[in-house]
Protein backbone atom coordinates (compact mmCIF):
# COMPACT_ATOMS: atom_id res chain seq x y z
CA GLN A 1 154.19 124.47 143.90
CA VAL A 2 156.59 122.79 141.47
CA GLN A 3 159.56 120.72 142.66
CA PRO A 4 161.91 119.79 139.82
CA VAL A 5 164.21 116.77 140.16
CA GLU A 6 167.14 116.26 137.79
CA SER A 7 168.64 112.92 136.78
CA GLY A 8 170.88 111.45 134.13
CA GLY A 9 174.22 113.00 134.99
CA GLY A 10 177.43 111.02 135.08
CA LEU A 11 180.93 110.59 133.74
CA VAL A 12 181.45 110.46 129.98
CA GLN A 13 184.39 110.75 127.63
CA ALA A 14 184.78 113.73 125.34
CA GLY A 15 182.67 113.28 122.23
CA GLY A 16 180.13 111.19 124.08
CA SER A 17 176.48 111.83 124.91
CA LEU A 18 174.22 112.07 127.92
CA ARG A 19 170.53 112.77 128.34
CA LEU A 20 169.42 114.69 131.38
CA SER A 21 165.86 114.57 132.66
CA CYS A 22 163.95 117.09 134.71
CA ALA A 23 160.82 115.66 136.27
CA ALA A 24 158.43 117.63 138.39
CA SER A 25 155.26 117.26 140.32
CA GLY A 26 152.66 119.97 140.45
CA ARG A 27 149.94 121.08 138.10
CA THR A 28 151.79 124.17 136.89
CA PHE A 29 154.79 122.33 135.45
CA SER A 30 153.13 121.78 132.09
CA ALA A 31 152.31 125.50 132.00
CA SER A 32 155.87 126.60 132.83
CA THR A 33 158.90 127.48 130.81
CA VAL A 34 161.72 125.15 131.89
CA GLY A 35 165.34 126.14 131.75
CA TRP A 36 168.60 124.28 132.16
CA PHE A 37 171.55 126.02 133.77
CA ARG A 38 175.00 124.83 134.76
CA GLN A 39 177.51 125.86 137.35
CA VAL A 40 181.07 125.04 138.29
CA PRO A 41 182.45 125.83 141.74
CA GLY A 42 183.43 129.44 142.13
CA LYS A 43 181.60 130.62 139.03
CA GLU A 44 178.17 132.00 138.27
CA ARG A 45 175.31 129.82 137.16
CA ASP A 46 175.16 129.93 133.36
CA PHE A 47 172.20 129.52 131.07
CA VAL A 48 172.22 126.44 128.84
CA ALA A 49 168.78 126.04 127.25
CA ALA A 50 165.09 126.70 127.81
CA ILE A 51 161.79 125.53 126.40
CA THR A 52 158.37 127.13 126.59
CA TRP A 53 155.37 125.36 128.05
CA SER A 54 154.13 124.11 124.68
CA GLY A 55 157.56 123.11 123.45
CA SER A 56 157.15 125.33 120.41
CA VAL A 57 159.97 127.74 121.30
CA THR A 58 163.45 126.83 122.45
CA HIS A 59 166.48 128.91 123.39
CA TYR A 60 170.12 127.87 123.57
CA ALA A 61 173.36 129.36 124.77
CA ASP A 62 175.80 129.87 121.90
CA SER A 63 178.23 127.44 123.51
CA VAL A 64 175.82 124.50 123.15
CA LYS A 65 173.97 125.29 119.91
CA GLY A 66 174.10 122.39 117.51
CA ARG A 67 175.18 119.97 120.26
CA PHE A 68 172.39 120.09 122.87
CA THR A 69 168.67 119.65 122.30
CA ILE A 70 165.95 120.49 124.80
CA SER A 71 162.54 118.84 124.59
CA ARG A 72 159.58 118.10 126.81
CA ASP A 73 156.82 115.57 127.35
CA ASN A 74 154.05 117.26 129.32
CA ALA A 75 152.15 114.00 129.67
CA LYS A 76 155.10 112.75 131.72
CA ASN A 77 155.83 116.12 133.36
CA THR A 78 159.40 115.79 132.12
CA VAL A 79 161.85 117.96 130.23
CA TYR A 80 164.93 116.47 128.59
CA LEU A 81 168.33 117.82 127.66
CA GLN A 82 170.07 115.67 125.08
CA MET A 83 173.77 116.48 125.12
CA ASN A 84 175.92 115.28 122.23
CA SER A 85 179.55 115.88 121.28
CA LEU A 86 180.36 116.66 124.88
CA LYS A 87 183.50 118.59 125.69
CA PRO A 88 185.51 118.80 128.92
CA GLU A 89 184.32 122.40 129.29
CA ASP A 90 180.75 121.09 129.60
CA THR A 91 181.69 119.65 132.99
CA ALA A 92 179.42 121.23 135.61
CA ASN A 93 176.52 120.68 137.91
CA TYR A 94 173.38 120.97 135.79
CA TYR A 95 170.18 122.42 137.22
CA CYS A 96 166.68 122.69 135.85
CA ALA A 97 164.30 125.42 136.88
CA THR A 98 160.77 126.53 136.11
CA ALA A 99 159.19 129.91 135.46
CA THR A 100 155.69 131.03 134.58
CA ALA A 101 156.49 134.61 133.61
CA PHE A 102 159.46 136.72 132.62
CA SER A 103 160.21 140.41 133.02
CA THR A 104 161.12 140.72 129.34
CA THR A 105 161.34 138.39 126.36
CA GLN A 106 165.13 138.50 126.75
CA SER A 107 165.02 137.32 130.38
CA VAL A 108 164.81 133.59 129.71
CA GLY A 109 168.53 133.23 130.37
CA ILE A 110 168.55 134.99 133.74
CA PRO A 111 168.55 132.65 136.77
CA GLY A 112 166.71 135.17 138.92
CA GLU A 113 163.68 134.95 136.64
CA TYR A 114 163.04 131.32 137.60
CA ASP A 115 160.90 130.32 140.56
CA TYR A 116 161.70 126.72 141.42
CA TRP A 117 165.01 124.88 141.17
CA GLY A 118 166.14 121.30 141.41
CA GLN A 119 169.15 120.09 143.39
CA GLY A 120 171.29 119.52 140.31
CA THR A 121 172.99 116.58 138.63
CA GLN A 122 176.72 116.40 138.02
CA VAL A 123 178.07 115.98 134.51
CA THR A 124 181.77 115.24 134.13
CA VAL A 125 183.40 115.02 130.70
CA SER A 126 186.86 113.53 130.62
CA SER A 127 189.40 114.38 127.93
């Protein structure tokens, strides 16, 4: 079983940067695709980015392309989300999740395809 734990959230001004970390125990973490999602109260959980087990393939939501970068260090069982040029609309609770298989190649952005979730870390971007 994999138990992801997020860290690195906080309060930042618009235009600033934060780096989120997703650390997990469990032998299957390094073999899992890891995704980042975000959610604001009253809204659905939205896909942000994902990275395959090897790190060779990444996916991004259009809203964060060119600003966010996902990476991983399997030796440390950690996935990172570097967030630059932050905007107030990036304010949300950010979650990481792991998956070992997907229904289709287009399913990487679907929350229901992921097996294990962290508790989230809050990111607040002030204007």
